[in-house]
Amino acid sequence: MTRSELVTEYRRLIDQPHENIVTSTMANADINTAYRELINKIVGWNYRAYYTSSTITTTANVAYVALPSDCIWVNKLMDSACEQLPHKDLELFDISLSAGTPLAWDTAGRKIYFTPTASSALTYTIWYTYMPSNLSSNSSTPEFIPGFEDIIALKAAINSKLIREEEAKDMVQLQYGERLNALRLAIMTQQTSSSKRVIGSSYDIGEY
């Protein structure tokens, strides 16, 4: 489904076919909000549902590197020899170490910190869970399991609180619950023992 089709379905669910109350800008924003909320649910079920890699390069004598803009959380870092760089809690970093080749990493805010600080430009491959881009045009399609896109419109309708009739509201809630359960079953796969570091925190996300 395209964003335009999702908006049409959203308007049908809330019985607002025209722009008198819900403008196109509002409807598009509601769809994108619901989309992001569902992505956050999905990566809670399976962090590899939206998983990618990129490269980052250190700067000599700078303790950190900025995270990719779409990064939700980091799974692992690999050096140029394809060896995994160990993770270590930032609060346990030895700040007395001189700059050299990093031995470990952690995240804080929107940055990856290294210990010791890199003394030269080093390139690492970062594997991470990402947030897909917003649906920016009417022809944009969500990065979603095919056949489940309609749940975005259902979620947007529930979020809007614009469904007036109680019977219709109950029906949408029921449909959303059924579709969410089906989506969860489709997304869930056997999890690995790898930990996922939550950005801006000092703990790993648990399996749930």
Foldseek 3Di string as FASTA:
>chain_A
DFLLVLLCLLCVLLVNNDPPPPHPVNSLVLLQVLLQVVLVVLCLQPVCLQKDKDKWKAAAPDFKTFAPPFFQWWQWKAFPVRHTQAADFPVPADQVDDADDFRYWAAAARIIGTPPHHRHITMIMIMGRGGDDRNDDRGRDDPADPPLSNLSSLSSNLVVPSRDDPVSNVVSVVVNVVSSVVRSVVSHDDDDPGWIHGHNDRDTNDND
